[in-house]
Amino acid sequence: MVIIQTPLRISFFGGGTDYPVWFREHGGCVLATSIDKYIYTQCRLSNPYREHKHRIIYSRVEDVNSIDEIVHPAVREAYRFMGVDHGLELHHDSDIPARSGMGSSSSFMVGLLHALHTLGGQHVDKTTLAMEAIHVEQEMIKENVGSQDQVMAAFGGFNHVLFHKDGTFTVETLPFKKERMRELHSHLMLFYTGVQRLASDVAGEQVKNTPKKADELRAIQQMVPEGLRILNSPGNLHDFGKLLDQAWQMKRTLSSKITNSSIDDLYSEGLKGGAIGGKLLGAGGGGFILFFVPPEKQPEVKQRLKKLLHIPFEMESRGTNIIFSREQAA
């Protein structure tokens, strides 16, 4: 039996440039951090007396005898990719709801592949896990997903990730002083809108619009080095919040599905309460909204958004990791 803990992520700048349709021609980059909200994947060999070969437990329970019967697309295709030929029992749990803009589907994929490798006695590096997860999601499931979520789930940390035209990536872990990271963290507030959506459905229109949005995507890409410059500069971080607002205003033009009047109203309320900037996380359409708020203004923002669930969080740096592993006889 193995249990894998895989983090979720918050992306600050560069989202959209991590889609292959963009970075294979122009290159891409993102600035993001993993956080202490996790996907947990427990996997073990099935007991031989079970009636069914495979049991998959998530929001539903699947008892099946062949991989082809599995309804959950990520599990089905991961099993196919790994060539699973023995019965498995899989449990999935998460600290946050699925379909909420924090990369949960990719974190699940990374954690699942990590679990299957570990159960088979194989040690794999983080680059391999990220590349395999990208392949399964993009090429086998045919999801409209980018490549940053899989990288952040695998590596963890506060990172500058560069996506190269040949499909590879480079992860630059940023060596900011703890005091600077504490200052940044003290300005961040995360709220759950209560709206779940399929990221692939929302992103489909954005991917289709990519050739027509080259100017906007170039501007979004340039926000990554600008964000790094702000973090590396002395003084307060208010310009980081202003840049988040610019990024959100640019992102919302990429597709008609990214925002709606309800989300716009929530964002406006946050600004009225004292937020300097913010953004809806992930592909858009719902999920979590992040605000950059001076600490003294945070009670007012919380009051204005009292109908939403405020989610305290910390940054983390481990990435996907094994929290339990025990050999099991086949």
C-alpha atoms as a PDB file:
ATOM      1  CA  MET A   1       0.000   0.000   0.000  1.00  0.00           C
ATOM      2  CA  VAL A   2       1.143   3.539  -0.713  1.00  0.00           C
ATOM      3  CA  ILE A   3      -0.291   6.943   0.160  1.00  0.00           C
ATOM      4  CA  ILE A   4       0.826   9.963  -1.868  1.00  0.00           C
ATOM      5  CA  GLN A   5       0.327  13.602  -0.880  1.00  0.00           C
ATOM      6  CA  THR A   6       0.343  16.042  -3.812  1.00  0.00           C
ATOM      7  CA  PRO A   7      -0.076  19.829  -3.456  1.00  0.00           C
ATOM      8  CA  LEU A   8      -2.383  22.208  -5.256  1.00  0.00           C
ATOM      9  CA  ARG A   9      -1.105  25.479  -6.672  1.00  0.00           C
ATOM     10  CA  ILE A  10      -1.734  29.203  -7.020  1.00  0.00           C
ATOM     11  CA  SER A  11      -0.595  30.759 -10.293  1.00  0.00           C
ATOM     12  CA  PHE A  12       0.230  34.465 -10.258  1.00  0.00           C
ATOM     13  CA  PHE A  13       1.354  35.339 -13.786  1.00  0.00           C
ATOM     14  CA  GLY A  14       1.793  33.728 -17.178  1.00  0.00           C
ATOM     15  CA  GLY A  15      -1.266  31.470 -17.240  1.00  0.00           C
ATOM     16  CA  GLY A  16      -2.271  30.742 -20.815  1.00  0.00           C
ATOM     17  CA  THR A  17       1.296  30.709 -22.115  1.00  0.00           C
ATOM     18  CA  ASP A  18       1.695  27.164 -20.741  1.00  0.00           C
ATOM     19  CA  TYR A  19      -0.643  25.694 -23.378  1.00  0.00           C
ATOM     20  CA  PRO A  20       1.204  23.757 -26.093  1.00  0.00           C
ATOM     21  CA  VAL A  21      -0.632  25.651 -28.824  1.00  0.00           C
ATOM     22  CA  TRP A  22       1.219  28.766 -27.578  1.00  0.00           C
ATOM     23  CA  PHE A  23       4.582  27.718 -26.128  1.00  0.00           C
ATOM     24  CA  ARG A  24       5.537  25.341 -28.945  1.00  0.00           C
ATOM     25  CA  GLU A  25       5.687  28.400 -31.174  1.00  0.00           C
ATOM     26  CA  HIS A  26       6.559  31.236 -28.803  1.00  0.00           C
ATOM     27  CA  GLY A  27       7.835  29.654 -25.593  1.00  0.00           C
ATOM     28  CA  GLY A  28       6.003  30.307 -22.340  1.00  0.00           C
ATOM     29  CA  CYS A  29       6.531  30.933 -18.637  1.00  0.00           C
ATOM     30  CA  VAL A  30       4.609  31.163 -15.379  1.00  0.00           C
ATOM     31  CA  LEU A  31       5.182  32.369 -11.839  1.00  0.00           C
ATOM     32  CA  ALA A  32       3.387  30.149  -9.332  1.00  0.00           C
ATOM     33  CA  THR A  33       3.541  28.532  -5.907  1.00  0.00           C
ATOM     34  CA  SER A  34       2.282  25.282  -4.453  1.00  0.00           C
ATOM     35  CA  ILE A  35       0.272  25.554  -1.236  1.00  0.00           C
ATOM     36  CA  ASP A  36      -0.566  23.399   1.772  1.00  0.00           C
ATOM     37  CA  LYS A  37      -3.823  22.095   0.300  1.00  0.00           C
ATOM     38  CA  TYR A  38      -3.419  18.562  -0.966  1.00  0.00           C
ATOM     39  CA  ILE A  39      -4.722  15.655  -3.001  1.00  0.00           C
ATOM     40  CA  TYR A  40      -4.318  12.300  -1.234  1.00  0.00           C
ATOM     41  CA  THR A  41      -4.013   9.126  -3.299  1.00  0.00           C
ATOM     42  CA  GLN A  42      -4.068   5.726  -1.584  1.00  0.00           C
ATOM     43  CA  CYS A  43      -3.388   2.685  -3.745  1.00  0.00           C
ATOM     44  CA  ARG A  44      -2.961  -0.996  -2.948  1.00  0.00           C
ATOM     45  CA  LEU A  45      -3.266  -4.390  -4.598  1.00  0.00           C
ATOM     46  CA  SER A  46      -6.815  -5.704  -4.507  1.00  0.00           C
ATOM     47  CA  ASN A  47      -7.646  -8.509  -2.108  1.00  0.00           C
ATOM     48  CA  PRO A  48      -7.913 -11.739  -4.131  1.00  0.00           C
ATOM     49  CA  TYR A  49     -11.329 -12.642  -2.690  1.00  0.00           C
ATOM     50  CA  ARG A  50     -12.989  -9.503  -4.097  1.00  0.00           C
ATOM     51  CA  GLU A  51     -15.657 -10.110  -6.713  1.00  0.00           C
ATOM     52  CA  HIS A  52     -14.284  -7.336  -8.933  1.00  0.00           C
ATOM     53  CA  LYS A  53     -10.698  -6.777 -10.061  1.00  0.00           C
ATOM     54  CA  HIS A  54     -10.571  -2.990  -9.584  1.00  0.00           C
ATOM     55  CA  ARG A  55     -12.206  -0.720  -7.032  1.00  0.00           C
ATOM     56  CA  ILE A  56     -11.959   3.085  -7.478  1.00  0.00           C
ATOM     57  CA  ILE A  57     -13.335   5.236  -4.665  1.00  0.00           C
ATOM     58  CA  TYR A  58     -13.839   8.989  -5.151  1.00  0.00           C
ATOM     59  CA  SER A  59     -17.187  10.848  -5.195  1.00  0.00           C
ATOM     60  CA  ARG A  60     -18.572   7.522  -6.412  1.00  0.00           C
ATOM     61  CA  VAL A  61     -17.462   3.900  -6.131  1.00  0.00           C
ATOM     62  CA  GLU A  62     -16.524   1.916  -9.215  1.00  0.00           C
ATOM     63  CA  ASP A  63     -16.196  -1.875  -9.051  1.00  0.00           C
ATOM     64  CA  VAL A  64     -15.015  -3.176 -12.427  1.00  0.00           C
ATOM     65  CA  ASN A  65     -13.128  -6.104 -13.921  1.00  0.00           C
ATOM     66  CA  SER A  66     -11.331  -4.382 -16.799  1.00  0.00           C
ATOM     67  CA  ILE A  67      -9.650  -1.044 -17.394  1.00  0.00           C
ATOM     68  CA  ASP A  68     -12.033  -0.363 -20.285  1.00  0.00           C
ATOM     69  CA  GLU A  69     -14.959  -0.391 -17.852  1.00  0.00           C
ATOM     70  CA  ILE A  70     -13.516   2.397 -15.683  1.00  0.00           C
ATOM     71  CA  VAL A  71     -15.613   5.566 -15.990  1.00  0.00           C
ATOM     72  CA  HIS A  72     -13.134   7.989 -14.378  1.00  0.00           C
ATOM     73  CA  PRO A  73     -11.061   9.124 -17.394  1.00  0.00           C
ATOM     74  CA  ALA A  74      -7.907  10.019 -15.444  1.00  0.00           C
ATOM     75  CA  VAL A  75      -7.820   6.648 -13.674  1.00  0.00           C
ATOM     76  CA  ARG A  76      -8.641   4.705 -16.834  1.00  0.00           C
ATOM     77  CA  GLU A  77      -5.941   6.352 -18.949  1.00  0.00           C
ATOM     78  CA  ALA A  78      -3.320   6.341 -16.174  1.00  0.00           C
ATOM     79  CA  TYR A  79      -3.856   2.597 -15.740  1.00  0.00           C
ATOM     80  CA  ARG A  80      -3.515   2.142 -19.508  1.00  0.00           C
ATOM     81  CA  PHE A  81      -0.374   4.266 -19.614  1.00  0.00           C
ATOM     82  CA  MET A  82       1.215   2.310 -16.770  1.00  0.00           C
ATOM     83  CA  GLY A  83       0.160  -1.034 -18.194  1.00  0.00           C
ATOM     84  CA  VAL A  84      -1.655  -2.067 -15.018  1.00  0.00           C
ATOM     85  CA  ASP A  85      -2.411  -5.791 -15.235  1.00  0.00           C
ATOM     86  CA  HIS A  86      -3.231  -6.631 -11.619  1.00  0.00           C
ATOM     87  CA  GLY A  87      -6.216  -5.642  -9.531  1.00  0.00           C
ATOM     88  CA  LEU A  88      -5.972  -2.368  -7.631  1.00  0.00           C
ATOM     89  CA  GLU A  89      -7.969  -0.568  -4.974  1.00  0.00           C
ATOM     90  CA  LEU A  90      -7.684   3.207  -5.280  1.00  0.00           C
ATOM     91  CA  HIS A  91      -8.929   5.870  -2.860  1.00  0.00           C
ATOM     92  CA  HIS A  92      -8.909   9.573  -3.700  1.00  0.00           C
ATOM     93  CA  ASP A  93      -9.464  12.455  -1.289  1.00  0.00           C
ATOM     94  CA  SER A  94      -8.849  16.203  -1.471  1.00  0.00           C
ATOM     95  CA  ASP A  95      -8.573  19.168   0.879  1.00  0.00           C
ATOM     96  CA  ILE A  96     -10.639  21.294  -1.522  1.00  0.00           C
ATOM     97  CA  PRO A  97     -13.463  20.662  -3.997  1.00  0.00           C
ATOM     98  CA  ALA A  98     -12.577  19.483  -7.482  1.00  0.00           C
ATOM     99  CA  ARG A  99     -12.996  21.749 -10.523  1.00  0.00           C
ATOM    100  CA  SER A 100     -12.066  24.866  -8.596  1.00  0.00           C
ATOM    101  CA  GLY A 101      -9.086  26.385 -10.420  1.00  0.00           C
ATOM    102  CA  MET A 102      -6.168  25.209  -8.293  1.00  0.00           C
ATOM    103  CA  GLY A 103      -4.923  22.439 -10.542  1.00  0.00           C
ATOM    104  CA  SER A 104      -6.660  19.588  -8.723  1.00  0.00           C
ATOM    105  CA  SER A 105      -7.080  17.361 -11.796  1.00  0.00           C
ATOM    106  CA  SER A 106      -3.372  17.558 -12.617  1.00  0.00           C
ATOM    107  CA  SER A 107      -2.410  17.091  -8.961  1.00  0.00           C
ATOM    108  CA  PHE A 108      -4.557  13.972  -8.946  1.00  0.00           C
ATOM    109  CA  MET A 109      -2.844  12.704 -12.104  1.00  0.00           C
ATOM    110  CA  VAL A 110       0.651  13.349 -10.726  1.00  0.00           C
ATOM    111  CA  GLY A 111      -0.247  11.691  -7.425  1.00  0.00           C
ATOM    112  CA  LEU A 112      -1.822   8.702  -9.156  1.00  0.00           C
ATOM    113  CA  LEU A 113       1.185   8.102 -11.395  1.00  0.00           C
ATOM    114  CA  HIS A 114       3.473   8.542  -8.383  1.00  0.00           C
ATOM    115  CA  ALA A 115       1.439   5.948  -6.484  1.00  0.00           C
ATOM    116  CA  LEU A 116       1.468   3.442  -9.358  1.00  0.00           C
ATOM    117  CA  HIS A 117       5.222   3.787  -9.836  1.00  0.00           C
ATOM    118  CA  THR A 118       5.841   3.417  -6.097  1.00  0.00           C
ATOM    119  CA  LEU A 119       3.536   0.427  -5.793  1.00  0.00           C
ATOM    120  CA  GLY A 120       5.550  -1.191  -8.591  1.00  0.00           C
ATOM    121  CA  GLY A 121       8.819  -0.555  -6.752  1.00  0.00           C
ATOM    122  CA  GLN A 122       9.938   2.167  -9.168  1.00  0.00           C
ATOM    123  CA  HIS A 123      11.496   5.460  -8.096  1.00  0.00           C
ATOM    124  CA  VAL A 124      10.803   8.249 -10.588  1.00  0.00           C
ATOM    125  CA  ASP A 125      12.051  11.822 -10.543  1.00  0.00           C
ATOM    126  CA  LYS A 126       9.789  14.855 -10.509  1.00  0.00           C
ATOM    127  CA  THR A 127      10.516  15.770 -14.136  1.00  0.00           C
ATOM    128  CA  THR A 128       9.393  12.331 -15.283  1.00  0.00           C
ATOM    129  CA  LEU A 129       6.208  12.495 -13.204  1.00  0.00           C
ATOM    130  CA  ALA A 130       5.327  15.916 -14.630  1.00  0.00           C
ATOM    131  CA  MET A 131       6.035  14.869 -18.232  1.00  0.00           C
ATOM    132  CA  GLU A 132       4.038  11.659 -17.856  1.00  0.00           C
ATOM    133  CA  ALA A 133       1.083  13.517 -16.341  1.00  0.00           C
ATOM    134  CA  ILE A 134       1.179  16.079 -19.170  1.00  0.00           C
ATOM    135  CA  HIS A 135       1.208  13.254 -21.732  1.00  0.00           C
ATOM    136  CA  VAL A 136      -1.720  11.386 -20.199  1.00  0.00           C
ATOM    137  CA  GLU A 137      -3.870  14.485 -19.766  1.00  0.00           C
ATOM    138  CA  GLN A 138      -3.107  16.164 -23.080  1.00  0.00           C
ATOM    139  CA  GLU A 139      -2.516  13.225 -25.418  1.00  0.00           C
ATOM    140  CA  MET A 140      -4.538  10.349 -23.986  1.00  0.00           C
ATOM    141  CA  ILE A 141      -7.520  12.030 -22.308  1.00  0.00           C
ATOM    142  CA  LYS A 142      -7.370  14.913 -24.834  1.00  0.00           C
ATOM    143  CA  GLU A 143      -8.090  17.525 -22.158  1.00  0.00           C
ATOM    144  CA  ASN A 144      -7.746  21.240 -22.907  1.00  0.00           C
ATOM    145  CA  VAL A 145      -5.188  21.746 -20.154  1.00  0.00           C
ATOM    146  CA  GLY A 146      -1.900  23.570 -19.925  1.00  0.00           C
ATOM    147  CA  SER A 147       1.348  22.224 -18.529  1.00  0.00           C
ATOM    148  CA  GLN A 148       2.001  24.325 -15.427  1.00  0.00           C
ATOM    149  CA  ASP A 149      -0.280  22.423 -13.050  1.00  0.00           C
ATOM    150  CA  GLN A 150       1.485  19.102 -13.531  1.00  0.00           C
ATOM    151  CA  VAL A 151       4.911  20.730 -13.054  1.00  0.00           C
ATOM    152  CA  MET A 152       3.879  22.583  -9.907  1.00  0.00           C
ATOM    153  CA  ALA A 153       2.221  19.474  -8.445  1.00  0.00           C
ATOM    154  CA  ALA A 154       5.332  17.403  -9.037  1.00  0.00           C
ATOM    155  CA  PHE A 155       7.978  19.903  -7.917  1.00  0.00           C
ATOM    156  CA  GLY A 156       6.237  22.113  -5.361  1.00  0.00           C
ATOM    157  CA  GLY A 157       7.736  25.426  -4.248  1.00  0.00           C
ATOM    158  CA  PHE A 158       7.609  29.039  -5.407  1.00  0.00           C
ATOM    159  CA  ASN A 159       8.807  28.719  -8.993  1.00  0.00           C
ATOM    160  CA  HIS A 160       9.528  30.410 -12.272  1.00  0.00           C
ATOM    161  CA  VAL A 161       8.693  27.725 -14.849  1.00  0.00           C
ATOM    162  CA  LEU A 162       9.784  28.127 -18.463  1.00  0.00           C
ATOM    163  CA  PHE A 163       8.144  26.104 -21.248  1.00  0.00           C
ATOM    164  CA  HIS A 164      10.307  25.506 -24.295  1.00  0.00           C
ATOM    165  CA  LYS A 165       9.331  25.077 -27.923  1.00  0.00           C
ATOM    166  CA  ASP A 166      10.492  21.455 -27.937  1.00  0.00           C
ATOM    167  CA  GLY A 167       7.963  20.550 -25.229  1.00  0.00           C
ATOM    168  CA  THR A 168      10.444  20.449 -22.344  1.00  0.00           C
ATOM    169  CA  PHE A 169      10.418  22.758 -19.338  1.00  0.00           C
ATOM    170  CA  THR A 170      12.801  24.291 -16.824  1.00  0.00           C
ATOM    171  CA  VAL A 171      11.923  24.882 -13.173  1.00  0.00           C
ATOM    172  CA  GLU A 172      13.729  27.748 -11.465  1.00  0.00           C
ATOM    173  CA  THR A 173      13.081  27.648  -7.722  1.00  0.00           C
ATOM    174  CA  LEU A 174      13.262  31.241  -6.551  1.00  0.00           C
ATOM    175  CA  PRO A 175      15.684  32.019  -3.716  1.00  0.00           C
ATOM    176  CA  PHE A 176      13.769  34.883  -2.124  1.00  0.00           C
ATOM    177  CA  LYS A 177      14.460  35.667   1.518  1.00  0.00           C
ATOM    178  CA  LYS A 178      11.975  34.257   4.012  1.00  0.00           C
ATOM    179  CA  GLU A 179      11.063  37.777   5.074  1.00  0.00           C
ATOM    180  CA  ARG A 180      10.058  38.690   1.514  1.00  0.00           C
ATOM    181  CA  MET A 181       7.957  35.555   1.149  1.00  0.00           C
ATOM    182  CA  ARG A 182       6.275  36.216   4.491  1.00  0.00           C
ATOM    183  CA  GLU A 183       5.495  39.747   3.330  1.00  0.00           C
ATOM    184  CA  LEU A 184       3.973  38.463   0.095  1.00  0.00           C
ATOM    185  CA  HIS A 185       1.979  35.800   1.897  1.00  0.00           C
ATOM    186  CA  SER A 186       0.639  38.340   4.411  1.00  0.00           C
ATOM    187  CA  HIS A 187      -0.990  40.219   1.502  1.00  0.00           C
ATOM    188  CA  LEU A 188      -2.777  37.237  -0.052  1.00  0.00           C
ATOM    189  CA  MET A 189      -6.381  36.262   0.623  1.00  0.00           C
ATOM    190  CA  LEU A 190      -8.090  33.260  -0.942  1.00  0.00           C
ATOM    191  CA  PHE A 191     -11.866  32.834  -1.246  1.00  0.00           C
ATOM    192  CA  TYR A 192     -14.019  30.022  -2.607  1.00  0.00           C
ATOM    193  CA  THR A 193     -16.829  31.160  -4.907  1.00  0.00           C
ATOM    194  CA  GLY A 194     -18.724  27.898  -4.518  1.00  0.00           C
ATOM    195  CA  VAL A 195     -18.892  27.432  -8.291  1.00  0.00           C
ATOM    196  CA  GLN A 196     -17.385  24.257  -9.761  1.00  0.00           C
ATOM    197  CA  ARG A 197     -16.654  23.868 -13.472  1.00  0.00           C
ATOM    198  CA  LEU A 198     -14.718  21.667 -15.861  1.00  0.00           C
ATOM    199  CA  ALA A 199     -11.488  23.508 -16.648  1.00  0.00           C
ATOM    200  CA  SER A 200     -11.212  21.753 -20.007  1.00  0.00           C
ATOM    201  CA  ASP A 201     -14.625  23.082 -21.067  1.00  0.00           C
ATOM    202  CA  VAL A 202     -13.721  26.649 -20.069  1.00  0.00           C
ATOM    203  CA  ALA A 203     -10.254  26.459 -21.615  1.00  0.00           C
ATOM    204  CA  GLY A 204     -11.478  25.039 -24.916  1.00  0.00           C
ATOM    205  CA  GLU A 205     -12.608  28.424 -26.192  1.00  0.00           C
ATOM    206  CA  GLN A 206      -9.394  30.056 -24.962  1.00  0.00           C
ATOM    207  CA  VAL A 207      -7.270  27.506 -26.830  1.00  0.00           C
ATOM    208  CA  LYS A 208      -9.336  28.065 -29.969  1.00  0.00           C
ATOM    209  CA  ASN A 209      -8.860  31.835 -29.626  1.00  0.00           C
ATOM    210  CA  THR A 210      -5.081  31.624 -29.129  1.00  0.00           C
ATOM    211  CA  PRO A 211      -4.076  32.597 -32.705  1.00  0.00           C
ATOM    212  CA  LYS A 212      -6.232  35.720 -32.411  1.00  0.00           C
ATOM    213  CA  LYS A 213      -4.907  36.681 -28.958  1.00  0.00           C
ATOM    214  CA  ALA A 214      -1.161  36.803 -29.627  1.00  0.00           C
ATOM    215  CA  ASP A 215      -0.753  40.401 -28.423  1.00  0.00           C
ATOM    216  CA  GLU A 216      -2.586  39.682 -25.180  1.00  0.00           C
ATOM    217  CA  LEU A 217      -0.596  36.506 -24.515  1.00  0.00           C
ATOM    218  CA  ARG A 218       2.694  38.286 -25.150  1.00  0.00           C
ATOM    219  CA  ALA A 219       1.657  40.908 -22.601  1.00  0.00           C
ATOM    220  CA  ILE A 220       0.685  38.191 -20.107  1.00  0.00           C
ATOM    221  CA  GLN A 221       4.037  36.489 -20.642  1.00  0.00           C
ATOM    222  CA  GLN A 222       5.927  39.726 -19.973  1.00  0.00           C
ATOM    223  CA  MET A 223       4.200  40.024 -16.602  1.00  0.00           C
ATOM    224  CA  VAL A 224       6.277  37.096 -15.305  1.00  0.00           C
ATOM    225  CA  PRO A 225       9.661  38.907 -15.405  1.00  0.00           C
ATOM    226  CA  GLU A 226       7.914  42.056 -14.154  1.00  0.00           C
ATOM    227  CA  GLY A 227       6.539  40.149 -11.168  1.00  0.00           C
ATOM    228  CA  LEU A 228      10.011  38.777 -10.463  1.00  0.00           C
ATOM    229  CA  ARG A 229      11.467  42.280 -10.675  1.00  0.00           C
ATOM    230  CA  ILE A 230       8.967  43.563  -8.109  1.00  0.00           C
ATOM    231  CA  LEU A 231       9.704  40.714  -5.712  1.00  0.00           C
ATOM    232  CA  ASN A 232      13.435  41.328  -6.063  1.00  0.00           C
ATOM    233  CA  SER A 233      13.105  45.066  -5.451  1.00  0.00           C
ATOM    234  CA  PRO A 234      13.143  46.702  -2.007  1.00  0.00           C
ATOM    235  CA  GLY A 235      10.092  48.421  -0.601  1.00  0.00           C
ATOM    236  CA  ASN A 236       6.444  47.409  -0.326  1.00  0.00           C
ATOM    237  CA  LEU A 237       4.762  44.990  -2.655  1.00  0.00           C
ATOM    238  CA  HIS A 238       1.802  47.078  -3.800  1.00  0.00           C
ATOM    239  CA  ASP A 239       3.045  46.995  -7.389  1.00  0.00           C
ATOM    240  CA  PHE A 240       2.686  43.205  -7.256  1.00  0.00           C
ATOM    241  CA  GLY A 241      -0.996  43.660  -6.448  1.00  0.00           C
ATOM    242  CA  LYS A 242      -1.417  46.184  -9.251  1.00  0.00           C
ATOM    243  CA  LEU A 243       0.225  43.763 -11.664  1.00  0.00           C
ATOM    244  CA  LEU A 244      -2.200  41.028 -10.558  1.00  0.00           C
ATOM    245  CA  ASP A 245      -5.061  43.349 -11.456  1.00  0.00           C
ATOM    246  CA  GLN A 246      -3.534  44.016 -14.881  1.00  0.00           C
ATOM    247  CA  ALA A 247      -3.103  40.280 -15.418  1.00  0.00           C
ATOM    248  CA  TRP A 248      -6.742  39.644 -14.530  1.00  0.00           C
ATOM    249  CA  GLN A 249      -8.002  42.399 -16.825  1.00  0.00           C
ATOM    250  CA  MET A 250      -5.925  40.916 -19.647  1.00  0.00           C
ATOM    251  CA  LYS A 251      -6.881  37.305 -18.912  1.00  0.00           C
ATOM    252  CA  ARG A 252     -10.607  38.004 -18.944  1.00  0.00           C
ATOM    253  CA  THR A 253     -10.344  39.079 -22.599  1.00  0.00           C
ATOM    254  CA  LEU A 254      -9.040  35.668 -23.735  1.00  0.00           C
ATOM    255  CA  SER A 255     -12.428  33.938 -23.641  1.00  0.00           C
ATOM    256  CA  SER A 256     -16.060  34.763 -22.934  1.00  0.00           C
ATOM    257  CA  LYS A 257     -16.181  31.848 -20.456  1.00  0.00           C
ATOM    258  CA  ILE A 258     -13.457  33.108 -18.097  1.00  0.00           C
ATOM    259  CA  THR A 259     -15.693  35.445 -16.118  1.00  0.00           C
ATOM    260  CA  ASN A 260     -19.334  36.441 -15.685  1.00  0.00           C
ATOM    261  CA  SER A 261     -21.323  39.159 -13.952  1.00  0.00           C
ATOM    262  CA  SER A 262     -21.331  37.354 -10.582  1.00  0.00           C
ATOM    263  CA  ILE A 263     -17.552  36.949 -10.588  1.00  0.00           C
ATOM    264  CA  ASP A 264     -17.094  40.552 -11.730  1.00  0.00           C
ATOM    265  CA  ASP A 265     -19.280  41.701  -8.822  1.00  0.00           C
ATOM    266  CA  LEU A 266     -17.193  39.695  -6.344  1.00  0.00           C
ATOM    267  CA  TYR A 267     -13.995  41.147  -7.742  1.00  0.00           C
ATOM    268  CA  SER A 268     -15.426  44.664  -7.523  1.00  0.00           C
ATOM    269  CA  GLU A 269     -16.420  44.126  -3.892  1.00  0.00           C
ATOM    270  CA  GLY A 270     -12.899  43.019  -3.065  1.00  0.00           C
ATOM    271  CA  LEU A 271     -11.443  46.162  -4.596  1.00  0.00           C
ATOM    272  CA  LYS A 272     -13.958  48.341  -2.747  1.00  0.00           C
ATOM    273  CA  GLY A 273     -12.851  46.708   0.495  1.00  0.00           C
ATOM    274  CA  GLY A 274      -9.221  47.649  -0.085  1.00  0.00           C
ATOM    275  CA  ALA A 275      -7.752  44.938  -2.320  1.00  0.00           C
ATOM    276  CA  ILE A 276      -5.151  46.297  -4.730  1.00  0.00           C
ATOM    277  CA  GLY A 277      -5.626  43.500  -7.230  1.00  0.00           C
ATOM    278  CA  GLY A 278      -6.463  39.863  -7.647  1.00  0.00           C
ATOM    279  CA  LYS A 279      -7.569  37.192 -10.067  1.00  0.00           C
ATOM    280  CA  LEU A 280      -9.755  34.179 -10.519  1.00  0.00           C
ATOM    281  CA  LEU A 281      -7.537  31.112 -10.346  1.00  0.00           C
ATOM    282  CA  GLY A 282      -7.249  28.526 -13.074  1.00  0.00           C
ATOM    283  CA  ALA A 283      -9.125  28.493 -16.366  1.00  0.00           C
ATOM    284  CA  GLY A 284     -11.918  30.699 -15.023  1.00  0.00           C
ATOM    285  CA  GLY A 285     -15.674  30.366 -14.742  1.00  0.00           C
ATOM    286  CA  GLY A 286     -15.685  29.792 -10.975  1.00  0.00           C
ATOM    287  CA  GLY A 287     -13.594  28.151  -8.297  1.00  0.00           C
ATOM    288  CA  PHE A 288     -11.233  30.215  -6.144  1.00  0.00           C
ATOM    289  CA  ILE A 289     -10.513  33.918  -6.292  1.00  0.00           C
ATOM    290  CA  LEU A 290      -7.246  35.376  -4.992  1.00  0.00           C
ATOM    291  CA  PHE A 291      -6.862  38.942  -3.723  1.00  0.00           C
ATOM    292  CA  PHE A 292      -3.784  40.987  -2.897  1.00  0.00           C
ATOM    293  CA  VAL A 293      -4.783  43.020   0.172  1.00  0.00           C
ATOM    294  CA  PRO A 294      -2.710  45.101   2.623  1.00  0.00           C
ATOM    295  CA  PRO A 295      -3.065  43.418   6.037  1.00  0.00           C
ATOM    296  CA  GLU A 296      -4.860  46.376   7.586  1.00  0.00           C
ATOM    297  CA  LYS A 297      -7.552  46.205   4.885  1.00  0.00           C
ATOM    298  CA  GLN A 298      -8.216  42.477   5.155  1.00  0.00           C
ATOM    299  CA  PRO A 299     -11.027  42.649   7.768  1.00  0.00           C
ATOM    300  CA  GLU A 300     -12.991  44.939   5.440  1.00  0.00           C
ATOM    301  CA  VAL A 301     -12.468  42.644   2.449  1.00  0.00           C
ATOM    302  CA  LYS A 302     -13.533  39.647   4.520  1.00  0.00           C
ATOM    303  CA  GLN A 303     -16.664  41.504   5.614  1.00  0.00           C
ATOM    304  CA  ARG A 304     -17.590  42.502   2.064  1.00  0.00           C
ATOM    305  CA  LEU A 305     -17.116  38.910   0.900  1.00  0.00           C
ATOM    306  CA  LYS A 306     -18.678  37.289   3.970  1.00  0.00           C
ATOM    307  CA  LYS A 307     -20.902  35.092   1.795  1.00  0.00           C
ATOM    308  CA  LEU A 308     -17.773  33.393   0.478  1.00  0.00           C
ATOM    309  CA  LEU A 309     -15.591  30.908   2.326  1.00  0.00           C
ATOM    310  CA  HIS A 310     -12.226  32.433   3.250  1.00  0.00           C
ATOM    311  CA  ILE A 311      -9.447  29.827   2.958  1.00  0.00           C
ATOM    312  CA  PRO A 312      -6.241  30.443   4.978  1.00  0.00           C
ATOM    313  CA  PHE A 313      -3.215  28.758   3.436  1.00  0.00           C
ATOM    314  CA  GLU A 314       0.562  28.533   3.538  1.00  0.00           C
ATOM    315  CA  MET A 315       3.083  28.078   0.743  1.00  0.00           C
ATOM    316  CA  GLU A 316       4.776  24.683   0.582  1.00  0.00           C
ATOM    317  CA  SER A 317       7.903  23.373  -1.104  1.00  0.00           C
ATOM    318  CA  ARG A 318       7.872  19.558  -1.106  1.00  0.00           C
ATOM    319  CA  GLY A 319       5.741  18.781  -4.131  1.00  0.00           C
ATOM    320  CA  THR A 320       4.347  15.288  -4.517  1.00  0.00           C
ATOM    321  CA  ASN A 321       5.695  12.981  -1.829  1.00  0.00           C
ATOM    322  CA  ILE A 322       5.220   9.548  -0.320  1.00  0.00           C
ATOM    323  CA  ILE A 323       3.706   9.766   3.155  1.00  0.00           C
ATOM    324  CA  PHE A 324       3.219   6.013   3.591  1.00  0.00           C
ATOM    325  CA  SER A 325       4.621   2.967   1.796  1.00  0.00           C
ATOM    326  CA  ARG A 326       4.477  -0.670   2.782  1.00  0.00           C
ATOM    327  CA  GLU A 327       5.301  -3.720   0.729  1.00  0.00           C
ATOM    328  CA  GLN A 328       2.320  -5.906  -0.022  1.00  0.00           C
ATOM    329  CA  ALA A 329       2.296  -9.457  -1.256  1.00  0.00           C
ATOM    330  CA  ALA A 330       0.675  -9.924  -4.663  1.00  0.00           C
END
